[in-house]
Structures are given as structure tokens and as C-alpha cells.
Amino acid sequence: MASDIQGAWLPGETVSLHWIVVAAGATADSRPLPITITALLAGPYASVNGLKGGAPAARTLSAAALNMDDRNPTAPTSTFALPSELAPGFYNLAFKVDSGGGNSLAGASVVQVGAAATRADPMAALSQRPLNLPFLTSTASCPASPMANLGKAAPDYGYGAGPVYLSGQSGWYSGGQTAILLVDATYAGPLLVRAFQLGGAGTSQITLADLPPANLSNIAAKESQHSVAVVSAVHTPEGGLELQANLGSPSWRAWFGRLSTGGPGCFALQLDGAAFSELIVVNVHGGPPPPG
């Protein structure tokens, strides 16, 4: 068991204590002798001295009692399922081997529980992805993404190869229009959106802005009828968007906003998810959109 308690235990993990069976001499009594093993974890304490000082523990955890007999050669194992919110510190691990008739063997050891491991930020990982932007010469035409039929989703069209599509307009103008990012229900993980100008020496900005909350409440009610959930996004300092994972929903996700640029040109959205990187390219005309 000594090797099982070396190093720090961590909240959220399951720890096993492997008991070592040592053969003893034979006795005249051939009847099996029942044996019960119990283990208790108590703490936390700020220091080993505090633990040994005898102060009551704020929390105790018990491993399930193990029942066997002295004729069973199998090495038993006690298991602690450490709660994810277990406080770090020093814990007293007390154990007892009871063989009945007032015969028992007890002992204790000090176990250190470390701080809960922090989960990696999925957005930080996505932001480390390289940009895969095509190079455009001054005379090259804009390689705009084709339109796709999205079936029963609303809107039922979008630009891109999926699972993310840009929708809302059939043509784009620098003056600004409603833009919709639609995420297929087959992908429920996090999404990072980064926007750039292609060609033009990057002199024109592209802006993705939120719609007013009053507009969104009406939109959300209508979209829910088409199994589309309207979601919010976090704006990055670089002008991009972060859509958090929505693992419990079977619906499409839709971010409604406004896309505008500093002028006409070719612009791209790079969309990075857990297992994909997608590029949507749009050709933006100058000025406000035509009426109608």
C-alpha cells in the first residue's frame, strides 16, 4: 500500500489502495477466519503538525468495507472516489484490519490532496491554430464560397462547406447588413471565428457586431420553431467571435449580428472547431445595400 499513497492525490480521481497478503503459519483450526478491512480519510489540515494535533476533521470519506477470510489468497483493494470539490490539504488515512474475537490491527498514514486540476481553455487552444488564408494578387478575383442548401434549418441557405455557414444575405455590402452564423446540429463544441480581408494589404476592416437585445428576443422565438437555438457570442480583442459549446442541445445554433466592412473587397471568416478548420469567403460590394 505504501506506493499507493506516494505523491499528491487529486480531486475528481479514483484512488485504489492495494493490500498485501502475507502468508502466516498453519493453525490447527481449519475453519475460515472472517476478516474485515476498513479505511477512512479525514481532513483537510493545513500542515502535518496540525493533522497530528488531534483537531476534528472538517470532512471524512470512507472506503467500502472489505469482507474476506484468511483462506482467501486474493489481494484485496480499497477504493476512494475523491469528490471534484474536495479541498486540498493534508488528510489522515486511517485503516483497520479486524479478524474478530477482539483481534485487530490498525494504522494510519498522511496523504496530501492537491488542488483540482484546471481544465485547458478550449478557446485558447483554438486560437493557437494557424490561419489558412489564401493569397490574392491585386488582379485576382475573389474566390467567394458557394451557397449550400441547409434543408429544414432557417434560413435554409448558407455560404460555406459546413458544419458552419454564413447566412442572412444573398449579396454583401460594406455599409452593413444582418449576418447569421449557423452551426449544424452535428457539431456542439466550441467555435472560434476570426475575420480578415484578403488582398488589399489588409487596409479595410471587417466588423461583426451584435444585434440589439430587443431584436434578438423576437428572433429567438421564431427560430425555435425551426429547431434553431439563437446563441450569444463573446467578442475577442482582435474582432473575432467565440461561441461556447452547447453539448446538451440537439438543435442548430445561430448567432445573429451585423457584418460591415471599411470598404469593398474580398473578406474571409476562418472558423475553428474541435476537429475542423473552415474558411468562408465573401465578396463585399461598396456602399449600402440596395433597397428592397
C-alpha atoms as a PDB file:
ATOM      1  CA  MET A   1       0.000   0.000   0.000  1.00  0.00           C
ATOM      2  CA  ALA A   2       2.950   2.363   0.536  1.00  0.00           C
ATOM      3  CA  SER A   3       3.317   3.091  -3.188  1.00  0.00           C
ATOM      4  CA  ASP A   4      -0.399   3.971  -3.428  1.00  0.00           C
ATOM      5  CA  ILE A   5      -0.076   6.945  -1.076  1.00  0.00           C
ATOM      6  CA  GLN A   6       3.065   8.475  -2.548  1.00  0.00           C
ATOM      7  CA  GLY A   7       2.562  11.757  -4.373  1.00  0.00           C
ATOM      8  CA  ALA A   8      -0.494  14.008  -4.218  1.00  0.00           C
ATOM      9  CA  TRP A   9      -3.994  12.692  -4.728  1.00  0.00           C
ATOM     10  CA  LEU A  10      -6.202  14.928  -6.874  1.00  0.00           C
ATOM     11  CA  PRO A  11      -9.904  15.823  -6.532  1.00  0.00           C
ATOM     12  CA  GLY A  12     -12.105  14.032  -9.045  1.00  0.00           C
ATOM     13  CA  GLU A  13      -9.901  10.960  -9.376  1.00  0.00           C
ATOM     14  CA  THR A  14     -10.416   7.443  -8.026  1.00  0.00           C
ATOM     15  CA  VAL A  15      -7.624   6.134  -5.796  1.00  0.00           C
ATOM     16  CA  SER A  16      -7.046   2.455  -5.049  1.00  0.00           C
ATOM     17  CA  LEU A  17      -5.219   1.040  -2.032  1.00  0.00           C
ATOM     18  CA  HIS A  18      -3.789  -2.419  -2.723  1.00  0.00           C
ATOM     19  CA  TRP A  19      -3.421  -4.537   0.391  1.00  0.00           C
ATOM     20  CA  ILE A  20      -0.549  -7.006   0.514  1.00  0.00           C
ATOM     21  CA  VAL A  21      -1.382 -10.537   1.681  1.00  0.00           C
ATOM     22  CA  VAL A  22       1.415 -12.208   3.635  1.00  0.00           C
ATOM     23  CA  ALA A  23       1.173 -15.936   4.340  1.00  0.00           C
ATOM     24  CA  ALA A  24       1.358 -16.967   8.017  1.00  0.00           C
ATOM     25  CA  GLY A  25       1.984 -20.314   9.619  1.00  0.00           C
ATOM     26  CA  ALA A  26      -0.681 -23.005   9.594  1.00  0.00           C
ATOM     27  CA  THR A  27      -3.004 -23.417  12.594  1.00  0.00           C
ATOM     28  CA  ALA A  28      -4.795 -26.432  13.966  1.00  0.00           C
ATOM     29  CA  ASP A  29      -8.182 -24.812  13.269  1.00  0.00           C
ATOM     30  CA  SER A  30      -9.184 -25.362   9.634  1.00  0.00           C
ATOM     31  CA  ARG A  31     -12.257 -23.131   9.783  1.00  0.00           C
ATOM     32  CA  PRO A  32     -12.080 -19.862   7.756  1.00  0.00           C
ATOM     33  CA  LEU A  33     -11.462 -16.815   9.921  1.00  0.00           C
ATOM     34  CA  PRO A  34     -13.500 -13.785   8.788  1.00  0.00           C
ATOM     35  CA  ILE A  35     -11.536 -10.575   8.192  1.00  0.00           C
ATOM     36  CA  THR A  36     -12.866  -7.040   7.662  1.00  0.00           C
ATOM     37  CA  ILE A  37     -10.745  -4.176   6.313  1.00  0.00           C
ATOM     38  CA  THR A  38     -11.892  -0.571   6.675  1.00  0.00           C
ATOM     39  CA  ALA A  39     -10.245   2.683   5.585  1.00  0.00           C
ATOM     40  CA  LEU A  40     -11.163   6.281   6.417  1.00  0.00           C
ATOM     41  CA  LEU A  41      -9.835   9.563   5.012  1.00  0.00           C
ATOM     42  CA  ALA A  42     -10.218  12.646   7.242  1.00  0.00           C
ATOM     43  CA  GLY A  43      -9.153  16.257   6.736  1.00  0.00           C
ATOM     44  CA  PRO A  44      -8.128  18.665   5.402  1.00  0.00           C
ATOM     45  CA  TYR A  45      -5.381  20.058   7.610  1.00  0.00           C
ATOM     46  CA  ALA A  46      -3.075  22.919   6.734  1.00  0.00           C
ATOM     47  CA  SER A  47       0.022  21.028   7.897  1.00  0.00           C
ATOM     48  CA  VAL A  48       1.154  17.621   9.115  1.00  0.00           C
ATOM     49  CA  ASN A  49       1.580  19.048  12.617  1.00  0.00           C
ATOM     50  CA  GLY A  50      -1.993  20.266  12.538  1.00  0.00           C
ATOM     51  CA  LEU A  51      -3.164  16.812  11.470  1.00  0.00           C
ATOM     52  CA  LYS A  52      -1.278  15.154  14.327  1.00  0.00           C
ATOM     53  CA  GLY A  53      -2.576  17.736  16.782  1.00  0.00           C
ATOM     54  CA  GLY A  54      -5.888  15.909  17.053  1.00  0.00           C
ATOM     55  CA  ALA A  55      -8.224  18.660  15.835  1.00  0.00           C
ATOM     56  CA  PRO A  56     -11.517  17.344  14.379  1.00  0.00           C
ATOM     57  CA  ALA A  57     -11.643  16.951  10.613  1.00  0.00           C
ATOM     58  CA  ALA A  58     -13.992  19.040   8.508  1.00  0.00           C
ATOM     59  CA  ARG A  59     -14.693  16.112   6.175  1.00  0.00           C
ATOM     60  CA  THR A  60     -14.398  12.330   6.229  1.00  0.00           C
ATOM     61  CA  LEU A  61     -14.568   9.841   3.376  1.00  0.00           C
ATOM     62  CA  SER A  62     -14.958   6.096   3.858  1.00  0.00           C
ATOM     63  CA  ALA A  63     -13.915   3.340   1.502  1.00  0.00           C
ATOM     64  CA  ALA A  64     -16.346   0.438   1.258  1.00  0.00           C
ATOM     65  CA  ALA A  65     -15.576  -2.222   3.889  1.00  0.00           C
ATOM     66  CA  LEU A  66     -13.853  -5.324   2.509  1.00  0.00           C
ATOM     67  CA  ASN A  67     -15.019  -8.684   3.862  1.00  0.00           C
ATOM     68  CA  MET A  68     -12.971 -11.858   3.333  1.00  0.00           C
ATOM     69  CA  ASP A  69     -11.375 -14.701   5.271  1.00  0.00           C
ATOM     70  CA  ASP A  70      -7.900 -15.997   5.946  1.00  0.00           C
ATOM     71  CA  ARG A  71      -8.358 -18.801   3.425  1.00  0.00           C
ATOM     72  CA  ASN A  72      -8.768 -16.343   0.529  1.00  0.00           C
ATOM     73  CA  PRO A  73      -5.384 -15.668  -1.110  1.00  0.00           C
ATOM     74  CA  THR A  74      -6.663 -12.795  -3.299  1.00  0.00           C
ATOM     75  CA  ALA A  75      -5.092  -9.412  -2.523  1.00  0.00           C
ATOM     76  CA  PRO A  76      -7.972  -7.003  -1.627  1.00  0.00           C
ATOM     77  CA  THR A  77      -8.272  -3.391  -2.831  1.00  0.00           C
ATOM     78  CA  SER A  78      -9.901  -0.434  -1.080  1.00  0.00           C
ATOM     79  CA  THR A  79     -11.160   2.403  -3.319  1.00  0.00           C
ATOM     80  CA  PHE A  80     -11.739   6.105  -2.648  1.00  0.00           C
ATOM     81  CA  ALA A  81     -13.719   8.149  -5.201  1.00  0.00           C
ATOM     82  CA  LEU A  82     -12.477  11.672  -4.411  1.00  0.00           C
ATOM     83  CA  PRO A  83     -15.148  14.350  -4.993  1.00  0.00           C
ATOM     84  CA  SER A  84     -14.243  17.020  -7.531  1.00  0.00           C
ATOM     85  CA  GLU A  85     -14.785  19.734  -4.901  1.00  0.00           C
ATOM     86  CA  LEU A  86     -12.555  18.071  -2.262  1.00  0.00           C
ATOM     87  CA  ALA A  87     -10.459  20.770  -0.590  1.00  0.00           C
ATOM     88  CA  PRO A  88      -6.668  20.488  -0.884  1.00  0.00           C
ATOM     89  CA  GLY A  89      -4.533  19.855   2.199  1.00  0.00           C
ATOM     90  CA  PHE A  90      -3.221  17.038   4.373  1.00  0.00           C
ATOM     91  CA  TYR A  91      -5.527  14.136   5.226  1.00  0.00           C
ATOM     92  CA  ASN A  92      -5.270  11.343   7.774  1.00  0.00           C
ATOM     93  CA  LEU A  93      -5.688   7.921   6.188  1.00  0.00           C
ATOM     94  CA  ALA A  94      -6.696   5.526   8.958  1.00  0.00           C
ATOM     95  CA  PHE A  95      -7.132   1.802   8.338  1.00  0.00           C
ATOM     96  CA  LYS A  96      -8.064  -1.223  10.402  1.00  0.00           C
ATOM     97  CA  VAL A  97      -7.896  -4.978   9.811  1.00  0.00           C
ATOM     98  CA  ASP A  98     -10.374  -6.745  12.097  1.00  0.00           C
ATOM     99  CA  SER A  99     -10.111 -10.524  12.409  1.00  0.00           C
ATOM    100  CA  GLY A 100     -12.817 -10.918  15.077  1.00  0.00           C
ATOM    101  CA  GLY A 101     -12.637 -12.023  18.669  1.00  0.00           C
ATOM    102  CA  GLY A 102     -11.105  -8.728  19.657  1.00  0.00           C
ATOM    103  CA  ASN A 103      -8.152  -9.233  17.346  1.00  0.00           C
ATOM    104  CA  SER A 104      -7.355  -6.302  15.062  1.00  0.00           C
ATOM    105  CA  LEU A 105      -4.535  -4.356  13.517  1.00  0.00           C
ATOM    106  CA  ALA A 106      -4.780  -0.588  12.945  1.00  0.00           C
ATOM    107  CA  GLY A 107      -2.590   2.064  11.447  1.00  0.00           C
ATOM    108  CA  ALA A 108      -2.568   5.458   9.785  1.00  0.00           C
ATOM    109  CA  SER A 109      -0.677   7.459   7.210  1.00  0.00           C
ATOM    110  CA  VAL A 110      -0.620  11.025   5.924  1.00  0.00           C
ATOM    111  CA  VAL A 111      -1.969  11.718   2.435  1.00  0.00           C
ATOM    112  CA  GLN A 112      -1.661  15.035   0.622  1.00  0.00           C
ATOM    113  CA  VAL A 113      -4.536  16.098  -1.640  1.00  0.00           C
ATOM    114  CA  GLY A 114      -3.546  18.639  -4.271  1.00  0.00           C
ATOM    115  CA  ALA A 115      -5.614  21.351  -5.885  1.00  0.00           C
ATOM    116  CA  ALA A 116      -8.083  20.290  -8.562  1.00  0.00           C
ATOM    117  CA  ALA A 117      -6.527  20.188 -11.990  1.00  0.00           C
ATOM    118  CA  THR A 118      -7.712  23.073 -14.156  1.00  0.00           C
ATOM    119  CA  ARG A 119      -9.132  22.120 -17.492  1.00  0.00           C
ATOM    120  CA  ALA A 120      -7.486  23.585 -20.540  1.00  0.00           C
ATOM    121  CA  ASP A 121      -9.328  26.521 -22.073  1.00  0.00           C
ATOM    122  CA  PRO A 122     -10.692  25.208 -25.396  1.00  0.00           C
ATOM    123  CA  MET A 123     -10.763  28.711 -26.890  1.00  0.00           C
ATOM    124  CA  ALA A 124      -7.100  29.250 -26.052  1.00  0.00           C
ATOM    125  CA  ALA A 125      -6.289  26.039 -27.889  1.00  0.00           C
ATOM    126  CA  LEU A 126      -8.341  27.085 -30.924  1.00  0.00           C
ATOM    127  CA  SER A 127      -6.667  30.499 -31.039  1.00  0.00           C
ATOM    128  CA  GLN A 128      -3.322  28.753 -31.493  1.00  0.00           C
ATOM    129  CA  ARG A 129      -4.468  27.267 -34.794  1.00  0.00           C
ATOM    130  CA  PRO A 130      -2.659  28.736 -37.809  1.00  0.00           C
ATOM    131  CA  LEU A 131      -4.539  30.937 -40.251  1.00  0.00           C
ATOM    132  CA  ASN A 132      -5.163  29.312 -43.625  1.00  0.00           C
ATOM    133  CA  LEU A 133      -5.912  32.387 -45.697  1.00  0.00           C
ATOM    134  CA  PRO A 134      -5.409  32.281 -49.467  1.00  0.00           C
ATOM    135  CA  PHE A 135      -3.077  34.851 -51.001  1.00  0.00           C
ATOM    136  CA  LEU A 136      -4.715  37.197 -53.506  1.00  0.00           C
ATOM    137  CA  THR A 137      -2.859  39.326 -56.005  1.00  0.00           C
ATOM    138  CA  SER A 138      -4.162  42.768 -56.895  1.00  0.00           C
ATOM    139  CA  THR A 139      -5.703  41.419 -60.112  1.00  0.00           C
ATOM    140  CA  ALA A 140      -7.152  38.165 -58.729  1.00  0.00           C
ATOM    141  CA  SER A 141     -10.898  37.719 -58.420  1.00  0.00           C
ATOM    142  CA  CYS A 142     -12.452  36.958 -55.021  1.00  0.00           C
ATOM    143  CA  PRO A 143     -12.916  33.168 -54.546  1.00  0.00           C
ATOM    144  CA  ALA A 144     -16.317  33.557 -52.858  1.00  0.00           C
ATOM    145  CA  SER A 145     -17.716  30.455 -51.154  1.00  0.00           C
ATOM    146  CA  PRO A 146     -20.656  28.766 -52.879  1.00  0.00           C
ATOM    147  CA  MET A 147     -24.139  28.713 -51.396  1.00  0.00           C
ATOM    148  CA  ALA A 148     -25.364  25.495 -49.749  1.00  0.00           C
ATOM    149  CA  ASN A 149     -28.926  24.244 -49.192  1.00  0.00           C
ATOM    150  CA  LEU A 150     -29.424  23.767 -45.437  1.00  0.00           C
ATOM    151  CA  GLY A 151     -32.683  21.821 -45.652  1.00  0.00           C
ATOM    152  CA  LYS A 152     -35.076  22.390 -42.755  1.00  0.00           C
ATOM    153  CA  ALA A 153     -32.898  24.934 -40.938  1.00  0.00           C
ATOM    154  CA  ALA A 154     -33.997  28.556 -41.019  1.00  0.00           C
ATOM    155  CA  PRO A 155     -32.642  30.282 -43.018  1.00  0.00           C
ATOM    156  CA  ASP A 156     -32.417  27.300 -45.358  1.00  0.00           C
ATOM    157  CA  TYR A 157     -29.289  28.534 -47.155  1.00  0.00           C
ATOM    158  CA  GLY A 158     -25.765  29.480 -46.196  1.00  0.00           C
ATOM    159  CA  TYR A 159     -22.289  30.002 -47.604  1.00  0.00           C
ATOM    160  CA  GLY A 160     -19.554  27.544 -46.717  1.00  0.00           C
ATOM    161  CA  ALA A 161     -18.774  23.840 -46.682  1.00  0.00           C
ATOM    162  CA  GLY A 162     -20.049  23.218 -43.136  1.00  0.00           C
ATOM    163  CA  PRO A 163     -20.563  22.476 -40.372  1.00  0.00           C
ATOM    164  CA  VAL A 164     -20.670  26.294 -40.059  1.00  0.00           C
ATOM    165  CA  TYR A 165     -22.385  28.539 -42.603  1.00  0.00           C
ATOM    166  CA  LEU A 166     -22.711  32.288 -43.151  1.00  0.00           C
ATOM    167  CA  SER A 167     -26.278  33.281 -43.978  1.00  0.00           C
ATOM    168  CA  GLY A 168     -28.658  36.222 -43.920  1.00  0.00           C
ATOM    169  CA  GLN A 169     -27.910  37.773 -47.330  1.00  0.00           C
ATOM    170  CA  SER A 170     -27.525  36.735 -50.951  1.00  0.00           C
ATOM    171  CA  GLY A 171     -25.125  39.646 -51.560  1.00  0.00           C
ATOM    172  CA  TRP A 172     -22.894  41.629 -49.209  1.00  0.00           C
ATOM    173  CA  TYR A 173     -22.306  45.389 -48.962  1.00  0.00           C
ATOM    174  CA  SER A 174     -19.808  47.342 -46.907  1.00  0.00           C
ATOM    175  CA  GLY A 175     -22.494  49.541 -45.354  1.00  0.00           C
ATOM    176  CA  GLY A 176     -23.552  46.639 -43.144  1.00  0.00           C
ATOM    177  CA  GLN A 177     -26.280  44.009 -43.094  1.00  0.00           C
ATOM    178  CA  THR A 178     -27.697  41.343 -40.827  1.00  0.00           C
ATOM    179  CA  ALA A 179     -25.456  38.287 -40.813  1.00  0.00           C
ATOM    180  CA  ILE A 180     -26.185  34.868 -39.358  1.00  0.00           C
ATOM    181  CA  LEU A 181     -23.658  32.214 -38.401  1.00  0.00           C
ATOM    182  CA  LEU A 182     -25.406  28.842 -38.487  1.00  0.00           C
ATOM    183  CA  VAL A 183     -23.789  25.851 -36.788  1.00  0.00           C
ATOM    184  CA  ASP A 184     -25.032  22.410 -37.812  1.00  0.00           C
ATOM    185  CA  ALA A 185     -26.553  20.331 -35.011  1.00  0.00           C
ATOM    186  CA  THR A 186     -23.934  17.652 -35.690  1.00  0.00           C
ATOM    187  CA  TYR A 187     -21.330  19.915 -34.052  1.00  0.00           C
ATOM    188  CA  ALA A 188     -21.997  21.066 -30.481  1.00  0.00           C
ATOM    189  CA  GLY A 189     -18.451  22.036 -29.449  1.00  0.00           C
ATOM    190  CA  PRO A 190     -16.770  25.446 -29.100  1.00  0.00           C
ATOM    191  CA  LEU A 191     -16.274  27.670 -32.132  1.00  0.00           C
ATOM    192  CA  LEU A 192     -13.757  30.440 -32.779  1.00  0.00           C
ATOM    193  CA  VAL A 193     -14.454  32.923 -35.601  1.00  0.00           C
ATOM    194  CA  ARG A 194     -11.653  35.111 -36.986  1.00  0.00           C
ATOM    195  CA  ALA A 195     -12.271  37.655 -39.784  1.00  0.00           C
ATOM    196  CA  PHE A 196      -9.796  39.163 -42.245  1.00  0.00           C
ATOM    197  CA  GLN A 197      -9.524  40.989 -45.535  1.00  0.00           C
ATOM    198  CA  LEU A 198      -7.950  39.051 -48.395  1.00  0.00           C
ATOM    199  CA  GLY A 199      -5.683  41.147 -50.574  1.00  0.00           C
ATOM    200  CA  GLY A 200      -5.872  44.904 -50.402  1.00  0.00           C
ATOM    201  CA  ALA A 201      -2.908  44.969 -47.985  1.00  0.00           C
ATOM    202  CA  GLY A 202      -5.406  44.481 -45.131  1.00  0.00           C
ATOM    203  CA  THR A 203      -6.396  48.127 -45.243  1.00  0.00           C
ATOM    204  CA  SER A 204     -10.129  47.513 -44.824  1.00  0.00           C
ATOM    205  CA  GLN A 205     -11.619  46.321 -41.544  1.00  0.00           C
ATOM    206  CA  ILE A 206     -14.411  43.758 -41.164  1.00  0.00           C
ATOM    207  CA  THR A 207     -16.715  44.142 -38.176  1.00  0.00           C
ATOM    208  CA  LEU A 208     -19.013  41.569 -36.565  1.00  0.00           C
ATOM    209  CA  ALA A 209     -21.392  43.357 -34.200  1.00  0.00           C
ATOM    210  CA  ASP A 210     -24.271  42.142 -32.016  1.00  0.00           C
ATOM    211  CA  LEU A 211     -27.900  42.969 -32.763  1.00  0.00           C
ATOM    212  CA  PRO A 212     -29.900  44.885 -30.118  1.00  0.00           C
ATOM    213  CA  PRO A 213     -31.305  42.559 -27.394  1.00  0.00           C
ATOM    214  CA  ALA A 214     -34.891  43.590 -28.240  1.00  0.00           C
ATOM    215  CA  ASN A 215     -34.431  42.307 -31.791  1.00  0.00           C
ATOM    216  CA  LEU A 216     -32.917  39.042 -30.598  1.00  0.00           C
ATOM    217  CA  SER A 217     -35.837  38.125 -28.322  1.00  0.00           C
ATOM    218  CA  ASN A 218     -38.258  38.167 -31.250  1.00  0.00           C
ATOM    219  CA  ILE A 219     -35.806  36.313 -33.493  1.00  0.00           C
ATOM    220  CA  ALA A 220     -35.199  33.591 -30.898  1.00  0.00           C
ATOM    221  CA  ALA A 221     -38.917  32.825 -30.622  1.00  0.00           C
ATOM    222  CA  LYS A 222     -39.255  32.443 -34.393  1.00  0.00           C
ATOM    223  CA  GLU A 223     -36.090  30.373 -34.814  1.00  0.00           C
ATOM    224  CA  SER A 224     -37.094  27.910 -32.082  1.00  0.00           C
ATOM    225  CA  GLN A 225     -39.989  26.830 -34.318  1.00  0.00           C
ATOM    226  CA  HIS A 226     -37.370  25.572 -36.788  1.00  0.00           C
ATOM    227  CA  SER A 227     -35.224  23.793 -34.149  1.00  0.00           C
ATOM    228  CA  VAL A 228     -32.628  26.563 -34.262  1.00  0.00           C
ATOM    229  CA  ALA A 229     -31.301  27.954 -30.954  1.00  0.00           C
ATOM    230  CA  VAL A 230     -30.178  31.599 -31.014  1.00  0.00           C
ATOM    231  CA  VAL A 231     -26.931  31.944 -29.052  1.00  0.00           C
ATOM    232  CA  SER A 232     -24.708  34.803 -27.950  1.00  0.00           C
ATOM    233  CA  ALA A 233     -21.003  35.207 -28.627  1.00  0.00           C
ATOM    234  CA  VAL A 234     -18.016  36.703 -26.846  1.00  0.00           C
ATOM    235  CA  HIS A 235     -16.137  39.316 -28.875  1.00  0.00           C
ATOM    236  CA  THR A 236     -12.361  38.896 -28.931  1.00  0.00           C
ATOM    237  CA  PRO A 237      -9.940  41.853 -28.823  1.00  0.00           C
ATOM    238  CA  GLU A 238      -8.960  41.028 -32.420  1.00  0.00           C
ATOM    239  CA  GLY A 239     -12.524  41.461 -33.651  1.00  0.00           C
ATOM    240  CA  GLY A 240     -13.479  37.788 -33.753  1.00  0.00           C
ATOM    241  CA  LEU A 241     -16.194  35.788 -32.018  1.00  0.00           C
ATOM    242  CA  GLU A 242     -16.246  32.911 -29.534  1.00  0.00           C
ATOM    243  CA  LEU A 243     -19.277  30.601 -29.401  1.00  0.00           C
ATOM    244  CA  GLN A 244     -19.277  28.317 -26.388  1.00  0.00           C
ATOM    245  CA  ALA A 245     -20.089  24.616 -26.576  1.00  0.00           C
ATOM    246  CA  ASN A 246     -23.730  23.576 -26.213  1.00  0.00           C
ATOM    247  CA  LEU A 247     -23.378  19.831 -25.644  1.00  0.00           C
ATOM    248  CA  GLY A 248     -26.857  19.221 -24.286  1.00  0.00           C
ATOM    249  CA  SER A 249     -28.839  20.589 -27.237  1.00  0.00           C
ATOM    250  CA  PRO A 250     -29.899  18.713 -30.401  1.00  0.00           C
ATOM    251  CA  SER A 251     -30.616  21.985 -32.232  1.00  0.00           C
ATOM    252  CA  TRP A 252     -28.716  24.034 -34.758  1.00  0.00           C
ATOM    253  CA  ARG A 253     -27.075  27.104 -33.233  1.00  0.00           C
ATOM    254  CA  ALA A 254     -27.387  30.575 -34.755  1.00  0.00           C
ATOM    255  CA  TRP A 255     -25.575  33.815 -33.946  1.00  0.00           C
ATOM    256  CA  PHE A 256     -27.413  36.854 -35.297  1.00  0.00           C
ATOM    257  CA  GLY A 257     -25.369  40.002 -35.790  1.00  0.00           C
ATOM    258  CA  ARG A 258     -24.334  42.642 -38.265  1.00  0.00           C
ATOM    259  CA  LEU A 259     -21.458  42.346 -40.735  1.00  0.00           C
ATOM    260  CA  SER A 260     -19.902  45.506 -42.150  1.00  0.00           C
ATOM    261  CA  THR A 261     -16.571  46.438 -43.680  1.00  0.00           C
ATOM    262  CA  GLY A 262     -14.487  49.539 -44.183  1.00  0.00           C
ATOM    263  CA  GLY A 263     -14.990  49.311 -47.909  1.00  0.00           C
ATOM    264  CA  PRO A 264     -15.445  46.893 -50.799  1.00  0.00           C
ATOM    265  CA  GLY A 265     -13.203  43.884 -51.163  1.00  0.00           C
ATOM    266  CA  CYS A 266     -12.720  40.203 -50.520  1.00  0.00           C
ATOM    267  CA  PHE A 267     -13.112  39.050 -46.934  1.00  0.00           C
ATOM    268  CA  ALA A 268     -12.779  35.726 -45.145  1.00  0.00           C
ATOM    269  CA  LEU A 269     -14.044  34.133 -41.947  1.00  0.00           C
ATOM    270  CA  GLN A 270     -11.892  31.340 -40.535  1.00  0.00           C
ATOM    271  CA  LEU A 271     -13.981  29.089 -38.319  1.00  0.00           C
ATOM    272  CA  ASP A 272     -12.162  26.702 -35.996  1.00  0.00           C
ATOM    273  CA  GLY A 273     -13.873  23.918 -34.069  1.00  0.00           C
ATOM    274  CA  ALA A 274     -12.618  20.977 -32.055  1.00  0.00           C
ATOM    275  CA  ALA A 275     -11.888  18.810 -35.105  1.00  0.00           C
ATOM    276  CA  PHE A 276     -12.163  21.123 -38.126  1.00  0.00           C
ATOM    277  CA  SER A 277     -10.994  24.395 -39.626  1.00  0.00           C
ATOM    278  CA  GLU A 278     -13.221  26.018 -42.249  1.00  0.00           C
ATOM    279  CA  LEU A 279     -12.912  29.119 -44.433  1.00  0.00           C
ATOM    280  CA  ILE A 280     -15.859  31.171 -45.725  1.00  0.00           C
ATOM    281  CA  VAL A 281     -15.012  33.842 -48.293  1.00  0.00           C
ATOM    282  CA  VAL A 282     -17.392  36.677 -49.272  1.00  0.00           C
ATOM    283  CA  ASN A 283     -17.150  39.357 -51.918  1.00  0.00           C
ATOM    284  CA  VAL A 284     -18.303  42.679 -50.417  1.00  0.00           C
ATOM    285  CA  HIS A 285     -19.575  45.489 -52.625  1.00  0.00           C
ATOM    286  CA  GLY A 286     -19.152  49.130 -51.687  1.00  0.00           C
ATOM    287  CA  GLY A 287     -21.829  51.301 -50.088  1.00  0.00           C
ATOM    288  CA  PRO A 288     -25.183  50.449 -48.504  1.00  0.00           C
ATOM    289  CA  PRO A 289     -27.283  47.553 -49.762  1.00  0.00           C
ATOM    290  CA  PRO A 290     -29.825  48.434 -52.445  1.00  0.00           C
ATOM    291  CA  PRO A 291     -33.453  48.914 -51.321  1.00  0.00           C
ATOM    292  CA  GLY A 292     -35.858  46.018 -51.432  1.00  0.00           C
END
